[in-house]
């Protein structure tokens, strides 16, 4: 039975790393820490939306028909995927906040431990 790689931990929802790769043909195993691509962290629904979006070449009317949803829902789903991939306003805001945190760190206003906690909280 084939299974898809999980991108997030089913217990705590943190991002997962791949630590072992195996070839069934030649029995080669590679161990290490490998990052997944950003698409691996999307939900099944987000991946399906991307598939429908690409199939319809971004034509919102066709996406509405395929998914049986309204224009505002298509736009909301698209914005959700954009944010999940790190390209939306939320990601831009997080980057600005990280810059402010690093600036405070370099000015000696906060410790490195405080900076790490603040960045993890974004």
N, C-alpha and C. Protein backbone atom coordinates (compact mmCIF):
# COMPACT_ATOMS: atom_id res chain seq x y z
N UNK A 1 0.84 -1.18 0.00
CA UNK A 1 0.00 0.00 0.00
C UNK A 1 0.89 1.24 0.00
N UNK A 2 0.68 2.12 -0.98
CA UNK A 2 1.44 3.36 -1.05
C UNK A 2 0.87 4.39 -0.09
N UNK A 3 1.76 5.12 0.57
CA UNK A 3 1.36 6.18 1.48
C UNK A 3 2.07 7.46 1.07
N UNK A 4 1.41 8.58 1.26
CA UNK A 4 2.04 9.86 1.00
C UNK A 4 2.87 10.27 2.21
N UNK A 5 3.92 11.04 1.95
CA UNK A 5 4.76 11.55 3.02
C UNK A 5 3.97 12.59 3.80
N UNK A 6 4.02 12.50 5.12
CA UNK A 6 3.38 13.50 5.97
C UNK A 6 4.30 14.72 6.06
N UNK A 7 3.73 15.89 5.99
CA UNK A 7 4.51 17.11 6.11
C UNK A 7 4.51 17.66 7.52
N UNK A 8 3.45 17.33 8.28
CA UNK A 8 3.35 17.84 9.64
C UNK A 8 3.09 16.69 10.61
N UNK A 9 3.55 16.86 11.82
CA UNK A 9 3.40 15.85 12.87
C UNK A 9 1.93 15.69 13.24
N UNK A 10 1.42 14.47 13.28
CA UNK A 10 0.02 14.27 13.65
C UNK A 10 -0.24 14.53 15.14
N UNK A 11 0.80 14.63 15.95
CA UNK A 11 0.64 14.86 17.38
C UNK A 11 0.66 16.35 17.72
N UNK A 12 1.71 17.07 17.24
CA UNK A 12 1.86 18.47 17.65
C UNK A 12 1.77 19.47 16.50
N UNK A 13 1.60 18.99 15.27
CA UNK A 13 1.47 19.82 14.06
C UNK A 13 2.74 20.56 13.65
N UNK A 14 3.89 20.19 14.21
CA UNK A 14 5.17 20.77 13.78
C UNK A 14 5.57 20.18 12.43
N UNK A 15 6.41 20.91 11.71
CA UNK A 15 6.89 20.40 10.42
C UNK A 15 7.83 19.22 10.64
N UNK A 16 7.69 18.21 9.78
CA UNK A 16 8.51 17.01 9.88
C UNK A 16 9.69 17.08 8.91
N UNK A 17 10.78 16.41 9.26
CA UNK A 17 11.92 16.21 8.37
C UNK A 17 11.95 14.74 7.99
N UNK A 18 12.46 14.44 6.81
CA UNK A 18 12.66 13.06 6.39
C UNK A 18 14.06 12.67 6.86
N UNK A 19 14.18 11.50 7.48
CA UNK A 19 15.49 11.10 8.00
C UNK A 19 16.06 9.86 7.31
N UNK A 20 15.26 9.21 6.46
CA UNK A 20 15.76 8.02 5.78
C UNK A 20 15.09 7.89 4.41
N UNK A 21 15.90 7.61 3.41
CA UNK A 21 15.39 7.35 2.06
C UNK A 21 15.82 5.93 1.68
N UNK A 22 14.94 5.22 0.99
CA UNK A 22 15.26 3.83 0.66
C UNK A 22 14.82 3.51 -0.77
N UNK A 23 15.69 2.81 -1.51
CA UNK A 23 15.37 2.34 -2.86
C UNK A 23 14.98 0.87 -2.77
N UNK A 24 13.77 0.56 -3.17
CA UNK A 24 13.30 -0.83 -3.12
C UNK A 24 13.94 -1.69 -4.19
N UNK A 25 14.43 -1.09 -5.29
CA UNK A 25 15.03 -1.87 -6.36
C UNK A 25 16.42 -2.39 -6.00
N UNK A 26 17.29 -1.51 -5.49
CA UNK A 26 18.66 -1.95 -5.19
C UNK A 26 18.96 -2.04 -3.71
N UNK A 27 17.96 -1.77 -2.88
CA UNK A 27 18.07 -1.87 -1.42
C UNK A 27 19.05 -0.86 -0.82
N UNK A 28 19.27 0.27 -1.50
CA UNK A 28 20.13 1.33 -0.96
C UNK A 28 19.32 2.15 0.03
N UNK A 29 19.95 2.47 1.16
CA UNK A 29 19.32 3.32 2.17
C UNK A 29 20.23 4.51 2.43
N UNK A 30 19.65 5.69 2.45
CA UNK A 30 20.40 6.92 2.74
C UNK A 30 19.79 7.51 3.99
N UNK A 31 20.64 7.76 5.00
CA UNK A 31 20.18 8.35 6.25
C UNK A 31 20.73 9.77 6.38
N UNK A 32 19.94 10.63 6.95
CA UNK A 32 20.34 12.03 7.16
C UNK A 32 19.10 12.82 7.52
N UNK A 33 19.21 14.13 7.45
CA UNK A 33 18.05 14.98 7.69
C UNK A 33 17.77 15.73 6.41
N UNK A 34 16.61 15.48 5.84
CA UNK A 34 16.22 16.08 4.57
C UNK A 34 14.96 16.90 4.76
N UNK A 35 14.96 18.10 4.26
CA UNK A 35 13.78 18.96 4.34
C UNK A 35 12.83 18.61 3.21
N UNK A 36 11.56 18.74 3.47
CA UNK A 36 10.54 18.55 2.44
C UNK A 36 10.34 19.87 1.72
N UNK A 37 9.81 19.83 0.50
CA UNK A 37 9.51 21.08 -0.20
C UNK A 37 8.26 21.71 0.41
N UNK A 38 8.05 22.99 0.14
CA UNK A 38 6.96 23.73 0.78
C UNK A 38 5.59 23.16 0.43
N UNK A 39 5.45 22.47 -0.69
CA UNK A 39 4.17 21.89 -1.06
C UNK A 39 3.81 20.69 -0.17
N UNK A 40 4.82 20.05 0.40
CA UNK A 40 4.57 18.91 1.29
C UNK A 40 3.87 19.32 2.57
N UNK A 41 3.94 20.60 2.92
CA UNK A 41 3.33 21.08 4.15
C UNK A 41 1.89 21.56 3.95
N UNK A 42 1.41 21.52 2.72
CA UNK A 42 0.03 21.93 2.46
C UNK A 42 -0.93 20.80 2.85
N UNK A 43 -2.15 21.17 3.19
CA UNK A 43 -3.17 20.17 3.51
C UNK A 43 -3.63 19.48 2.22
N UNK A 44 -4.33 18.37 2.36
CA UNK A 44 -4.89 17.67 1.19
C UNK A 44 -5.80 18.59 0.41
N UNK A 45 -6.60 19.37 1.13
CA UNK A 45 -7.55 20.28 0.48
C UNK A 45 -6.81 21.36 -0.32
N UNK A 46 -5.73 21.89 0.25
CA UNK A 46 -4.95 22.91 -0.44
C UNK A 46 -4.29 22.33 -1.70
N UNK A 47 -3.77 21.12 -1.59
CA UNK A 47 -3.15 20.47 -2.76
C UNK A 47 -4.20 20.22 -3.85
N UNK A 48 -5.38 19.79 -3.45
CA UNK A 48 -6.44 19.55 -4.42
C UNK A 48 -6.84 20.86 -5.10
N UNK A 49 -6.94 21.93 -4.33
CA UNK A 49 -7.28 23.23 -4.90
C UNK A 49 -6.23 23.64 -5.93
N UNK A 50 -4.96 23.46 -5.63
CA UNK A 50 -3.89 23.79 -6.58
C UNK A 50 -4.03 22.96 -7.85
N UNK A 51 -4.34 21.68 -7.69
CA UNK A 51 -4.53 20.80 -8.84
C UNK A 51 -5.66 21.30 -9.74
N UNK A 52 -6.80 21.64 -9.13
CA UNK A 52 -7.95 22.15 -9.89
C UNK A 52 -7.60 23.50 -10.52
N UNK A 53 -6.90 24.35 -9.78
CA UNK A 53 -6.49 25.67 -10.27
C UNK A 53 -5.62 25.52 -11.52
N UNK A 54 -4.63 24.62 -11.46
CA UNK A 54 -3.74 24.42 -12.60
C UNK A 54 -4.46 23.77 -13.78
N UNK A 55 -5.30 22.79 -13.47
CA UNK A 55 -6.07 22.11 -14.53
C UNK A 55 -6.90 23.11 -15.33
N UNK A 56 -7.44 24.09 -14.62
CA UNK A 56 -8.28 25.11 -15.25
C UNK A 56 -7.50 26.37 -15.64
N UNK A 57 -6.17 26.27 -15.57
CA UNK A 57 -5.29 27.37 -15.97
C UNK A 57 -5.64 28.69 -15.28
N UNK A 58 -6.10 28.59 -14.03
CA UNK A 58 -6.42 29.78 -13.25
C UNK A 58 -7.74 30.44 -13.60
N UNK A 59 -8.52 29.83 -14.46
CA UNK A 59 -9.81 30.40 -14.85
C UNK A 59 -10.79 30.20 -13.69
N UNK A 60 -11.10 31.31 -13.02
CA UNK A 60 -11.91 31.22 -11.80
C UNK A 60 -13.31 30.68 -12.07
N UNK A 61 -13.91 31.04 -13.20
CA UNK A 61 -15.24 30.52 -13.54
C UNK A 61 -15.22 28.99 -13.62
N UNK A 62 -14.17 28.44 -14.23
CA UNK A 62 -14.05 26.99 -14.36
C UNK A 62 -13.78 26.33 -13.00
N UNK A 63 -12.99 27.01 -12.17
CA UNK A 63 -12.71 26.49 -10.82
C UNK A 63 -14.00 26.46 -10.01
N UNK A 64 -14.80 27.52 -10.13
CA UNK A 64 -16.11 27.56 -9.45
C UNK A 64 -16.96 26.36 -9.84
N UNK A 65 -17.01 26.06 -11.15
CA UNK A 65 -17.81 24.93 -11.64
C UNK A 65 -17.28 23.60 -11.11
N UNK A 66 -15.95 23.41 -11.24
CA UNK A 66 -15.35 22.14 -10.81
C UNK A 66 -15.56 21.86 -9.33
N UNK A 67 -15.39 22.89 -8.51
CA UNK A 67 -15.47 22.69 -7.07
C UNK A 67 -16.86 22.96 -6.50
N UNK A 68 -17.73 23.57 -7.31
CA UNK A 68 -19.08 23.89 -6.84
C UNK A 68 -19.06 24.93 -5.75
N UNK A 69 -18.17 25.92 -5.90
CA UNK A 69 -18.06 26.97 -4.89
C UNK A 69 -18.18 28.34 -5.56
N UNK A 70 -18.38 29.37 -4.75
CA UNK A 70 -18.58 30.72 -5.27
C UNK A 70 -17.23 31.41 -5.53
N UNK A 71 -17.31 32.53 -6.25
CA UNK A 71 -16.14 33.33 -6.55
C UNK A 71 -15.39 33.74 -5.27
N UNK A 72 -16.09 34.28 -4.25
CA UNK A 72 -15.37 34.66 -3.03
C UNK A 72 -14.67 33.48 -2.35
N UNK A 73 -15.27 32.30 -2.44
CA UNK A 73 -14.66 31.11 -1.84
C UNK A 73 -13.41 30.70 -2.61
N UNK A 74 -13.46 30.81 -3.94
CA UNK A 74 -12.27 30.52 -4.76
C UNK A 74 -11.15 31.47 -4.35
N UNK A 75 -11.46 32.76 -4.26
CA UNK A 75 -10.46 33.76 -3.89
C UNK A 75 -9.90 33.49 -2.48
N UNK A 76 -10.78 33.11 -1.55
CA UNK A 76 -10.35 32.81 -0.18
C UNK A 76 -9.41 31.60 -0.17
N UNK A 77 -9.77 30.56 -0.93
CA UNK A 77 -8.93 29.36 -1.00
C UNK A 77 -7.57 29.68 -1.64
N UNK A 78 -7.59 30.50 -2.66
CA UNK A 78 -6.34 30.89 -3.31
C UNK A 78 -5.45 31.67 -2.35
N UNK A 79 -6.03 32.61 -1.62
CA UNK A 79 -5.28 33.39 -0.64
C UNK A 79 -4.72 32.49 0.46
N UNK A 80 -5.51 31.50 0.86
CA UNK A 80 -5.08 30.54 1.88
C UNK A 80 -3.83 29.79 1.41
N UNK A 81 -3.84 29.32 0.16
CA UNK A 81 -2.69 28.58 -0.39
C UNK A 81 -1.49 29.51 -0.52
N UNK A 82 -1.71 30.73 -0.99
CA UNK A 82 -0.62 31.70 -1.12
C UNK A 82 0.04 31.95 0.23
N UNK A 83 -0.76 32.13 1.26
CA UNK A 83 -0.22 32.34 2.61
C UNK A 83 0.51 31.10 3.12
N UNK A 84 -0.05 29.92 2.86
CA UNK A 84 0.57 28.68 3.32
C UNK A 84 1.94 28.46 2.67
N UNK A 85 2.09 28.95 1.45
CA UNK A 85 3.37 28.82 0.75
C UNK A 85 4.35 29.92 1.13
N UNK A 86 3.88 30.89 1.92
CA UNK A 86 4.78 31.93 2.41
C UNK A 86 4.86 33.17 1.55
N UNK A 87 3.87 33.38 0.67
CA UNK A 87 3.93 34.51 -0.24
C UNK A 87 2.92 35.61 0.04
N UNK A 88 2.08 35.43 1.05
CA UNK A 88 1.02 36.40 1.29
C UNK A 88 1.41 37.49 2.26
N UNK A 89 0.43 38.30 2.62
CA UNK A 89 0.63 39.41 3.55
C UNK A 89 1.09 38.91 4.91
N UNK A 90 0.60 37.75 5.32
CA UNK A 90 0.98 37.20 6.62
C UNK A 90 2.49 36.94 6.64
N UNK A 91 3.02 36.35 5.56
CA UNK A 91 4.45 36.06 5.49
C UNK A 91 5.25 37.36 5.46
N UNK A 92 4.76 38.35 4.72
CA UNK A 92 5.45 39.64 4.66
C UNK A 92 5.49 40.27 6.04
N UNK A 93 4.39 40.20 6.77
CA UNK A 93 4.32 40.74 8.12
C UNK A 93 5.30 40.01 9.04
N UNK A 94 5.37 38.70 8.92
CA UNK A 94 6.29 37.91 9.74
C UNK A 94 7.73 38.29 9.44
N UNK A 95 8.06 38.51 8.15
CA UNK A 95 9.42 38.91 7.79
C UNK A 95 9.76 40.28 8.38
N UNK A 96 8.80 41.21 8.34
CA UNK A 96 9.03 42.53 8.93
C UNK A 96 9.26 42.40 10.43
N UNK A 97 8.45 41.57 11.09
CA UNK A 97 8.61 41.36 12.52
C UNK A 97 9.96 40.73 12.84
N UNK A 98 10.42 39.80 12.02
CA UNK A 98 11.73 39.17 12.23
C UNK A 98 12.83 40.22 12.11
N UNK A 99 12.69 41.12 11.14
CA UNK A 99 13.68 42.18 10.98
C UNK A 99 13.73 43.07 12.22
N UNK A 100 12.56 43.41 12.77
CA UNK A 100 12.51 44.24 13.98
C UNK A 100 13.15 43.51 15.16
N UNK A 101 12.87 42.22 15.27
CA UNK A 101 13.45 41.42 16.36
C UNK A 101 14.97 41.38 16.23
N UNK A 102 15.46 41.15 15.02
CA UNK A 102 16.91 41.09 14.80
C UNK A 102 17.56 42.44 15.04
N UNK A 103 16.85 43.50 14.71
CA UNK A 103 17.36 44.85 14.97
C UNK A 103 17.49 45.09 16.48
N UNK A 104 16.47 44.68 17.24
CA UNK A 104 16.53 44.81 18.70
C UNK A 104 17.68 43.98 19.27
N UNK A 105 17.89 42.80 18.70
CA UNK A 105 18.98 41.94 19.14
C UNK A 105 20.33 42.61 18.88
N UNK A 106 20.51 43.15 17.68
CA UNK A 106 21.79 43.79 17.35
C UNK A 106 22.02 45.07 18.15
N UNK A 107 20.95 45.73 18.57
CA UNK A 107 21.08 46.94 19.40
C UNK A 107 21.26 46.61 20.87
N UNK A 108 21.21 45.31 21.22
CA UNK A 108 21.38 44.90 22.60
C UNK A 108 20.15 45.09 23.46
N UNK A 109 18.99 45.34 22.82
CA UNK A 109 17.76 45.56 23.58
C UNK A 109 17.18 44.26 24.12
N UNK A 110 17.47 43.15 23.45
CA UNK A 110 17.00 41.84 23.90
C UNK A 110 18.14 40.83 23.78
N UNK A 111 18.03 39.73 24.53
CA UNK A 111 19.05 38.68 24.45
C UNK A 111 18.76 37.75 23.27
N UNK A 112 19.73 36.92 22.94
CA UNK A 112 19.54 35.97 21.83
C UNK A 112 18.44 34.97 22.17
N UNK A 113 18.34 34.60 23.46
CA UNK A 113 17.30 33.66 23.87
C UNK A 113 15.91 34.28 23.68
N UNK A 114 15.79 35.57 24.05
CA UNK A 114 14.51 36.26 23.88
C UNK A 114 14.16 36.38 22.40
N UNK A 115 15.18 36.67 21.59
CA UNK A 115 14.96 36.79 20.14
C UNK A 115 14.46 35.48 19.56
N UNK A 116 15.07 34.37 19.97
CA UNK A 116 14.65 33.06 19.47
C UNK A 116 13.21 32.75 19.86
N UNK A 117 12.84 33.06 21.09
CA UNK A 117 11.47 32.82 21.54
C UNK A 117 10.49 33.66 20.74
N UNK A 118 10.87 34.92 20.47
CA UNK A 118 9.97 35.81 19.73
C UNK A 118 9.81 35.34 18.29
N UNK A 119 10.91 34.91 17.67
CA UNK A 119 10.85 34.44 16.28
C UNK A 119 10.03 33.16 16.18
N UNK A 120 10.20 32.25 17.13
CA UNK A 120 9.41 31.01 17.12
C UNK A 120 7.93 31.28 17.31
N UNK A 121 7.62 32.38 18.00
CA UNK A 121 6.22 32.73 18.25
C UNK A 121 5.52 33.36 17.06
N UNK A 122 6.27 33.71 15.99
CA UNK A 122 5.64 34.33 14.81
C UNK A 122 4.82 33.35 14.03
